[in-house]
């Protein structure tokens, strides 16, 4: 038994279809095109599920995520050192005495700086499922960069 469906097509295509209605079996053409598209999708899904061991895929993605998160630490550390070199003495002391590094991004003195800096690296764009490991790593790297700079200069001050 055949089922009927309704399709929407642009007016221009409908006009052309009317011209050629006697030359083509549009119902058969549609059936063939849809059958072919569905077969391709099913073959892709079958191939994908057969060719990859999902536990291996997950392990690979976990390794890639760890490397990706470490990259944000390195970027943060570099930016922290750079900030430390240009910061005023009072701002350095202020940052070094903030008890919660992760609050720095909301601090009124530093919010604009972090919005710009983190935006430059796309830190806020890549949050997955509420996880912000890379953002924390960026901030950990940043504060460590500031502290490393401070440790290099504090004895000379």
N, C-alpha and C. Protein backbone atom coordinates (compact mmCIF):
# COMPACT_ATOMS: atom_id res chain seq x y z
N UNK A 1 0.84 -1.18 0.00
CA UNK A 1 0.00 0.00 0.00
C UNK A 1 0.89 1.25 0.00
N UNK A 2 0.53 2.22 -0.74
CA UNK A 2 1.29 3.46 -0.85
C UNK A 2 0.66 4.52 0.04
N UNK A 3 1.53 5.36 0.62
CA UNK A 3 1.08 6.47 1.47
C UNK A 3 1.29 7.77 0.71
N UNK A 4 0.38 8.71 0.91
CA UNK A 4 0.51 10.02 0.28
C UNK A 4 1.12 10.98 1.29
N UNK A 5 1.99 11.86 0.79
CA UNK A 5 2.54 12.93 1.62
C UNK A 5 2.40 14.24 0.85
N UNK A 6 2.50 15.33 1.55
CA UNK A 6 2.43 16.64 0.92
C UNK A 6 3.81 17.27 1.00
N UNK A 7 4.27 17.82 -0.10
CA UNK A 7 5.56 18.50 -0.15
C UNK A 7 5.35 19.96 -0.49
N UNK A 8 6.21 20.77 0.00
CA UNK A 8 6.20 22.19 -0.38
C UNK A 8 7.39 22.45 -1.28
N UNK A 9 7.13 23.16 -2.37
CA UNK A 9 8.21 23.54 -3.29
C UNK A 9 8.03 25.00 -3.66
N UNK A 10 9.10 25.66 -4.03
CA UNK A 10 8.99 27.07 -4.42
C UNK A 10 8.12 27.22 -5.68
N UNK A 11 7.50 28.38 -5.79
CA UNK A 11 6.61 28.65 -6.94
C UNK A 11 7.32 28.44 -8.26
N UNK A 12 8.54 28.91 -8.34
CA UNK A 12 9.29 28.80 -9.60
C UNK A 12 9.47 27.33 -10.00
N UNK A 13 9.79 26.48 -9.04
CA UNK A 13 9.93 25.05 -9.33
C UNK A 13 8.59 24.45 -9.72
N UNK A 14 7.53 24.89 -9.10
CA UNK A 14 6.20 24.37 -9.43
C UNK A 14 5.83 24.70 -10.87
N UNK A 15 6.16 25.89 -11.31
CA UNK A 15 5.88 26.28 -12.69
C UNK A 15 6.64 25.38 -13.66
N UNK A 16 7.89 25.14 -13.36
CA UNK A 16 8.69 24.27 -14.24
C UNK A 16 8.18 22.84 -14.19
N UNK A 17 7.77 22.39 -13.01
CA UNK A 17 7.24 21.03 -12.86
C UNK A 17 5.98 20.86 -13.73
N UNK A 18 5.13 21.85 -13.75
CA UNK A 18 3.91 21.77 -14.56
C UNK A 18 4.26 21.62 -16.04
N UNK A 19 5.32 22.29 -16.49
CA UNK A 19 5.72 22.21 -17.90
C UNK A 19 6.16 20.79 -18.28
N UNK A 20 6.78 20.08 -17.35
CA UNK A 20 7.37 18.79 -17.65
C UNK A 20 6.59 17.61 -17.05
N UNK A 21 5.42 17.87 -16.54
CA UNK A 21 4.64 16.86 -15.83
C UNK A 21 4.48 15.57 -16.65
N UNK A 22 4.27 15.68 -17.94
CA UNK A 22 4.06 14.50 -18.79
C UNK A 22 5.34 13.75 -19.12
N UNK A 23 6.49 14.39 -18.91
CA UNK A 23 7.76 13.78 -19.28
C UNK A 23 8.42 13.00 -18.15
N UNK A 24 8.00 13.23 -16.93
CA UNK A 24 8.64 12.58 -15.77
C UNK A 24 7.62 11.94 -14.87
N UNK A 25 8.07 10.90 -14.17
CA UNK A 25 7.28 10.31 -13.11
C UNK A 25 7.85 10.89 -11.81
N UNK A 26 7.32 12.04 -11.39
CA UNK A 26 7.87 12.74 -10.23
C UNK A 26 7.76 11.92 -8.95
N UNK A 27 6.73 11.14 -8.84
CA UNK A 27 6.57 10.30 -7.66
C UNK A 27 7.71 9.29 -7.57
N UNK A 28 8.03 8.66 -8.69
CA UNK A 28 9.12 7.68 -8.74
C UNK A 28 10.47 8.36 -8.50
N UNK A 29 10.65 9.55 -9.09
CA UNK A 29 11.90 10.29 -8.89
C UNK A 29 12.10 10.62 -7.41
N UNK A 30 11.03 11.05 -6.76
CA UNK A 30 11.11 11.38 -5.34
C UNK A 30 11.43 10.13 -4.52
N UNK A 31 10.73 9.04 -4.80
CA UNK A 31 10.97 7.79 -4.07
C UNK A 31 12.42 7.34 -4.21
N UNK A 32 12.94 7.39 -5.43
CA UNK A 32 14.32 6.97 -5.66
C UNK A 32 15.31 7.87 -4.91
N UNK A 33 15.07 9.19 -4.95
CA UNK A 33 15.98 10.13 -4.29
C UNK A 33 15.96 9.94 -2.78
N UNK A 34 14.78 9.76 -2.21
CA UNK A 34 14.68 9.58 -0.75
C UNK A 34 15.26 8.23 -0.34
N UNK A 35 14.98 7.20 -1.11
CA UNK A 35 15.54 5.88 -0.81
C UNK A 35 17.06 5.92 -0.82
N UNK A 36 17.63 6.57 -1.83
CA UNK A 36 19.08 6.70 -1.93
C UNK A 36 19.64 7.47 -0.73
N UNK A 37 19.02 8.59 -0.35
CA UNK A 37 19.50 9.39 0.78
C UNK A 37 19.44 8.61 2.08
N UNK A 38 18.37 7.86 2.29
CA UNK A 38 18.23 7.06 3.52
C UNK A 38 19.28 5.95 3.54
N UNK A 39 19.48 5.29 2.41
CA UNK A 39 20.49 4.22 2.36
C UNK A 39 21.88 4.76 2.69
N UNK A 40 22.22 5.92 2.15
CA UNK A 40 23.53 6.52 2.44
C UNK A 40 23.68 6.81 3.93
N UNK A 41 22.64 7.35 4.55
CA UNK A 41 22.69 7.64 5.99
C UNK A 41 22.85 6.35 6.78
N UNK A 42 22.08 5.33 6.44
CA UNK A 42 22.15 4.06 7.17
C UNK A 42 23.52 3.41 7.01
N UNK A 43 24.07 3.46 5.80
CA UNK A 43 25.41 2.89 5.58
C UNK A 43 26.47 3.65 6.37
N UNK A 44 26.35 4.96 6.41
CA UNK A 44 27.31 5.76 7.18
C UNK A 44 27.24 5.39 8.66
N UNK A 45 26.03 5.33 9.20
CA UNK A 45 25.88 4.98 10.61
C UNK A 45 26.39 3.58 10.90
N UNK A 46 26.13 2.65 10.00
CA UNK A 46 26.60 1.28 10.19
C UNK A 46 28.13 1.23 10.13
N UNK A 47 28.70 1.91 9.15
CA UNK A 47 30.16 1.96 9.01
C UNK A 47 30.79 2.62 10.23
N UNK A 48 30.20 3.70 10.68
CA UNK A 48 30.74 4.43 11.83
C UNK A 48 30.73 3.56 13.07
N UNK A 49 29.64 2.86 13.30
CA UNK A 49 29.55 2.04 14.52
C UNK A 49 30.43 0.80 14.43
N UNK A 50 30.72 0.32 13.26
CA UNK A 50 31.54 -0.88 13.11
C UNK A 50 33.04 -0.57 13.10
N UNK A 51 33.43 0.56 12.53
CA UNK A 51 34.83 0.84 12.34
C UNK A 51 35.52 1.37 13.59
N UNK A 52 34.76 1.87 14.54
CA UNK A 52 35.37 2.50 15.70
C UNK A 52 34.96 1.78 16.97
N UNK A 53 35.95 1.53 17.78
CA UNK A 53 35.70 1.02 19.12
C UNK A 53 35.44 2.25 19.98
N UNK A 54 34.22 2.38 20.48
CA UNK A 54 33.84 3.59 21.18
C UNK A 54 34.72 3.87 22.40
N UNK A 55 35.19 2.84 23.07
CA UNK A 55 36.05 3.08 24.23
C UNK A 55 37.38 3.70 23.77
N UNK A 56 37.85 3.29 22.60
CA UNK A 56 39.07 3.89 22.05
C UNK A 56 38.84 5.34 21.64
N UNK A 57 37.67 5.61 21.08
CA UNK A 57 37.34 6.97 20.69
C UNK A 57 37.28 7.85 21.93
N UNK A 58 36.65 7.36 22.99
CA UNK A 58 36.54 8.13 24.23
C UNK A 58 37.93 8.39 24.81
N UNK A 59 38.80 7.38 24.82
CA UNK A 59 40.16 7.56 25.34
C UNK A 59 40.91 8.62 24.54
N UNK A 60 40.77 8.55 23.22
CA UNK A 60 41.44 9.53 22.36
C UNK A 60 40.93 10.94 22.67
N UNK A 61 39.61 11.09 22.78
CA UNK A 61 39.04 12.41 23.05
C UNK A 61 39.44 12.92 24.44
N UNK A 62 39.56 12.02 25.41
CA UNK A 62 40.01 12.43 26.74
C UNK A 62 41.44 12.97 26.69
N UNK A 63 42.30 12.30 25.94
CA UNK A 63 43.68 12.77 25.79
C UNK A 63 43.71 14.13 25.11
N UNK A 64 42.91 14.28 24.06
CA UNK A 64 42.85 15.55 23.35
C UNK A 64 42.33 16.66 24.25
N UNK A 65 41.34 16.33 25.09
CA UNK A 65 40.80 17.33 26.01
C UNK A 65 41.87 17.76 27.00
N UNK A 66 42.62 16.81 27.54
CA UNK A 66 43.68 17.14 28.50
C UNK A 66 44.72 18.06 27.86
N UNK A 67 45.11 17.76 26.64
CA UNK A 67 46.09 18.59 25.94
C UNK A 67 45.51 19.98 25.68
N UNK A 68 44.24 20.02 25.33
CA UNK A 68 43.56 21.28 25.05
C UNK A 68 43.49 22.14 26.31
N UNK A 69 43.15 21.52 27.45
CA UNK A 69 43.06 22.23 28.71
C UNK A 69 44.44 22.74 29.14
N UNK A 70 45.49 21.91 28.95
CA UNK A 70 46.86 22.34 29.28
C UNK A 70 47.27 23.54 28.44
N UNK A 71 46.82 23.57 27.21
CA UNK A 71 47.12 24.71 26.33
C UNK A 71 46.56 25.99 26.94
N UNK A 72 45.37 25.94 27.52
CA UNK A 72 44.80 27.12 28.15
C UNK A 72 45.60 27.52 29.38
N UNK A 73 46.16 26.56 30.09
CA UNK A 73 47.03 26.89 31.23
C UNK A 73 48.24 27.68 30.75
N UNK A 74 48.88 27.18 29.69
CA UNK A 74 50.06 27.86 29.15
C UNK A 74 49.72 29.28 28.68
N UNK A 75 48.59 29.43 28.00
CA UNK A 75 48.17 30.75 27.55
C UNK A 75 47.94 31.68 28.74
N UNK A 76 47.28 31.16 29.77
CA UNK A 76 47.01 31.95 30.96
C UNK A 76 48.30 32.36 31.66
N UNK A 77 49.24 31.45 31.75
CA UNK A 77 50.52 31.74 32.40
C UNK A 77 51.27 32.85 31.66
N UNK A 78 51.28 32.74 30.35
CA UNK A 78 51.93 33.76 29.52
C UNK A 78 51.26 35.12 29.73
N UNK A 79 49.94 35.15 29.75
CA UNK A 79 49.20 36.40 29.95
C UNK A 79 49.40 36.94 31.36
N UNK A 80 49.50 36.05 32.35
CA UNK A 80 49.74 36.49 33.72
C UNK A 80 51.10 37.16 33.87
N UNK A 81 52.12 36.57 33.26
CA UNK A 81 53.45 37.18 33.29
C UNK A 81 53.43 38.54 32.60
N UNK A 82 52.76 38.60 31.47
CA UNK A 82 52.67 39.85 30.71
C UNK A 82 51.95 40.92 31.54
N UNK A 83 50.85 40.53 32.17
CA UNK A 83 50.10 41.46 33.00
C UNK A 83 50.97 41.96 34.16
N UNK A 84 51.66 41.02 34.82
CA UNK A 84 52.51 41.38 35.95
C UNK A 84 53.55 42.42 35.58
N UNK A 85 54.13 42.29 34.40
CA UNK A 85 55.17 43.23 33.96
C UNK A 85 54.63 44.63 33.73
N UNK A 86 53.35 44.75 33.40
CA UNK A 86 52.78 46.07 33.12
C UNK A 86 51.92 46.60 34.27
N UNK A 87 51.69 45.78 35.28
CA UNK A 87 50.79 46.18 36.37
C UNK A 87 51.45 47.19 37.30
N UNK A 88 50.63 48.00 37.93
CA UNK A 88 51.10 48.90 38.98
C UNK A 88 51.37 48.08 40.24
N UNK A 89 52.26 48.56 41.06
CA UNK A 89 52.64 47.87 42.29
C UNK A 89 51.41 47.53 43.14
N UNK A 90 50.53 48.50 43.31
CA UNK A 90 49.33 48.28 44.12
C UNK A 90 48.44 47.18 43.53
N UNK A 91 48.32 47.16 42.19
CA UNK A 91 47.51 46.12 41.54
C UNK A 91 48.14 44.74 41.73
N UNK A 92 49.45 44.67 41.67
CA UNK A 92 50.13 43.38 41.92
C UNK A 92 49.81 42.88 43.32
N UNK A 93 49.96 43.74 44.31
CA UNK A 93 49.66 43.34 45.69
C UNK A 93 48.20 42.93 45.84
N UNK A 94 47.34 43.67 45.19
CA UNK A 94 45.91 43.37 45.26
C UNK A 94 45.63 41.96 44.74
N UNK A 95 46.16 41.66 43.55
CA UNK A 95 45.93 40.34 42.93
C UNK A 95 46.57 39.23 43.76
N UNK A 96 47.75 39.46 44.27
CA UNK A 96 48.45 38.43 45.04
C UNK A 96 47.75 38.09 46.36
N UNK A 97 46.87 38.98 46.81
CA UNK A 97 46.18 38.74 48.09
C UNK A 97 44.71 38.36 47.91
N UNK A 98 44.27 38.16 46.71
CA UNK A 98 42.89 37.70 46.49
C UNK A 98 42.85 36.20 46.82
N UNK A 99 41.97 35.81 47.75
CA UNK A 99 41.97 34.42 48.20
C UNK A 99 41.45 33.41 47.16
N UNK A 100 40.53 33.84 46.30
CA UNK A 100 39.94 32.91 45.32
C UNK A 100 40.28 33.38 43.90
N UNK A 101 41.21 32.69 43.28
CA UNK A 101 41.65 33.05 41.93
C UNK A 101 40.48 33.13 40.96
N UNK A 102 39.49 32.24 41.11
CA UNK A 102 38.40 32.17 40.14
C UNK A 102 37.45 33.36 40.26
N UNK A 103 37.56 34.13 41.33
CA UNK A 103 36.75 35.33 41.48
C UNK A 103 37.34 36.52 40.74
N UNK A 104 38.57 36.39 40.29
CA UNK A 104 39.24 37.50 39.61
C UNK A 104 38.44 38.00 38.41
N UNK A 105 37.81 37.09 37.69
CA UNK A 105 37.10 37.48 36.47
C UNK A 105 35.89 38.36 36.76
N UNK A 106 35.38 38.31 37.99
CA UNK A 106 34.24 39.14 38.37
C UNK A 106 34.64 40.37 39.17
N UNK A 107 35.90 40.45 39.55
CA UNK A 107 36.38 41.57 40.35
C UNK A 107 36.27 42.87 39.56
N UNK A 108 35.74 43.90 40.20
CA UNK A 108 35.48 45.17 39.49
C UNK A 108 36.75 45.79 38.91
N UNK A 109 37.89 45.58 39.55
CA UNK A 109 39.14 46.16 39.05
C UNK A 109 39.66 45.42 37.82
N UNK A 110 39.30 44.16 37.67
CA UNK A 110 39.91 43.32 36.63
C UNK A 110 38.93 42.77 35.60
N UNK A 111 37.65 42.99 35.81
CA UNK A 111 36.63 42.39 34.93
C UNK A 111 36.85 42.73 33.46
N UNK A 112 37.06 44.01 33.15
CA UNK A 112 37.27 44.41 31.75
C UNK A 112 38.51 43.74 31.16
N UNK A 113 39.57 43.71 31.96
CA UNK A 113 40.80 43.06 31.50
C UNK A 113 40.54 41.59 31.15
N UNK A 114 39.88 40.87 32.07
CA UNK A 114 39.64 39.45 31.82
C UNK A 114 38.65 39.23 30.68
N UNK A 115 37.65 40.07 30.58
CA UNK A 115 36.72 39.95 29.45
C UNK A 115 37.48 40.04 28.13
N UNK A 116 38.36 41.02 28.02
CA UNK A 116 39.14 41.20 26.79
C UNK A 116 40.13 40.07 26.57
N UNK A 117 40.88 39.74 27.60
CA UNK A 117 41.94 38.73 27.47
C UNK A 117 41.35 37.35 27.19
N UNK A 118 40.35 36.97 27.96
CA UNK A 118 39.75 35.64 27.75
C UNK A 118 38.98 35.60 26.43
N UNK A 119 38.42 36.72 26.05
CA UNK A 119 37.74 36.79 24.76
C UNK A 119 38.71 36.60 23.61
N UNK A 120 39.91 37.15 23.76
CA UNK A 120 40.93 37.04 22.71
C UNK A 120 41.27 35.58 22.43
N UNK A 121 41.27 34.76 23.46
CA UNK A 121 41.60 33.34 23.31
C UNK A 121 40.37 32.44 23.19
N UNK A 122 39.18 33.02 23.25
CA UNK A 122 37.97 32.22 23.12
C UNK A 122 37.70 31.33 24.32
N UNK A 123 38.17 31.73 25.49
CA UNK A 123 38.03 30.89 26.67
C UNK A 123 36.56 30.67 27.01
N UNK A 124 35.73 31.69 26.90
CA UNK A 124 34.32 31.54 27.28
C UNK A 124 33.47 30.86 26.21
N UNK A 125 34.01 30.70 25.01
CA UNK A 125 33.22 30.09 23.94
C UNK A 125 33.12 28.58 24.06
N UNK A 126 34.03 27.95 24.74
CA UNK A 126 34.14 26.51 24.68
C UNK A 126 33.73 25.79 25.96
N UNK A 127 32.66 26.21 26.59
CA UNK A 127 32.19 25.52 27.77
C UNK A 127 31.25 24.40 27.32
N UNK A 128 31.53 23.19 27.78
CA UNK A 128 30.76 22.03 27.36
C UNK A 128 30.03 21.46 28.56
N UNK A 129 28.70 21.43 28.48
CA UNK A 129 27.92 20.82 29.54
C UNK A 129 28.18 21.43 30.91
N UNK A 130 28.43 22.72 30.97
CA UNK A 130 28.68 23.37 32.24
C UNK A 130 30.09 23.22 32.76
N UNK A 131 30.90 22.41 32.09
CA UNK A 131 32.28 22.21 32.52
C UNK A 131 33.14 23.33 31.98
N UNK A 132 33.90 23.94 32.88
CA UNK A 132 34.78 25.04 32.46
C UNK A 132 36.20 24.74 32.91
N UNK A 133 36.65 23.50 32.73
CA UNK A 133 38.00 23.11 33.13
C UNK A 133 39.05 23.99 32.49
N UNK A 134 38.86 24.30 31.22
CA UNK A 134 39.84 25.11 30.51
C UNK A 134 39.87 26.55 31.04
N UNK A 135 38.73 27.06 31.48
CA UNK A 135 38.69 28.41 32.05
C UNK A 135 39.45 28.43 33.38
N UNK A 136 39.24 27.41 34.19
CA UNK A 136 39.96 27.31 35.46
C UNK A 136 41.46 27.16 35.22
N UNK A 137 41.81 26.37 34.23
CA UNK A 137 43.23 26.19 33.92
C UNK A 137 43.84 27.50 33.43
N UNK A 138 43.11 28.25 32.63
CA UNK A 138 43.60 29.54 32.17
C UNK A 138 43.88 30.43 33.37
N UNK A 139 42.92 30.49 34.31
CA UNK A 139 43.09 31.34 35.49
C UNK A 139 44.20 30.82 36.40
N UNK A 140 44.32 29.50 36.53
CA UNK A 140 45.43 28.93 37.32
C UNK A 140 46.76 29.34 36.69
N UNK A 141 46.84 29.22 35.38
CA UNK A 141 48.06 29.61 34.68
C UNK A 141 48.32 31.09 34.84
N UNK A 142 47.26 31.90 34.74
CA UNK A 142 47.41 33.35 34.86
C UNK A 142 47.97 33.73 36.22
N UNK A 143 47.37 33.23 37.30
CA UNK A 143 47.83 33.60 38.64
C UNK A 143 49.24 33.08 38.88
N UNK A 144 49.56 31.90 38.36
CA UNK A 144 50.92 31.38 38.51
C UNK A 144 51.92 32.22 37.72
N UNK A 145 51.51 32.72 36.57
CA UNK A 145 52.38 33.62 35.80
C UNK A 145 52.65 34.91 36.57
N UNK A 146 51.60 35.45 37.21
CA UNK A 146 51.77 36.66 38.01
C UNK A 146 52.70 36.37 39.19
N UNK A 147 52.48 35.24 39.87
CA UNK A 147 53.30 34.88 41.04
C UNK A 147 54.76 34.64 40.64
N UNK A 148 54.97 33.99 39.52
CA UNK A 148 56.35 33.76 39.05
C UNK A 148 57.04 35.09 38.77
N UNK A 149 56.33 35.99 38.13
CA UNK A 149 56.91 37.32 37.88
C UNK A 149 57.23 38.00 39.22
N UNK A 150 56.28 37.98 40.15
CA UNK A 150 56.47 38.61 41.44
C UNK A 150 57.70 38.04 42.16
N UNK A 151 57.84 36.72 42.13
CA UNK A 151 58.97 36.08 42.80
C UNK A 151 60.31 36.50 42.19
N UNK A 152 60.29 36.85 40.92
CA UNK A 152 61.52 37.30 40.26
C UNK A 152 61.89 38.73 40.66
N UNK A 153 60.91 39.55 40.97
CA UNK A 153 61.20 40.98 41.21
C UNK A 153 61.10 41.41 42.67
N UNK A 154 60.41 40.65 43.50
CA UNK A 154 60.10 41.15 44.85
C UNK A 154 61.34 41.46 45.68
N UNK A 155 62.40 40.69 45.55
CA UNK A 155 63.62 40.92 46.34
C UNK A 155 64.33 42.20 45.90
N UNK A 156 64.09 42.61 44.68
CA UNK A 156 64.76 43.82 44.16
C UNK A 156 64.00 45.09 44.53
N UNK A 157 62.79 44.93 45.06
CA UNK A 157 61.99 46.11 45.36
C UNK A 157 62.31 46.62 46.72
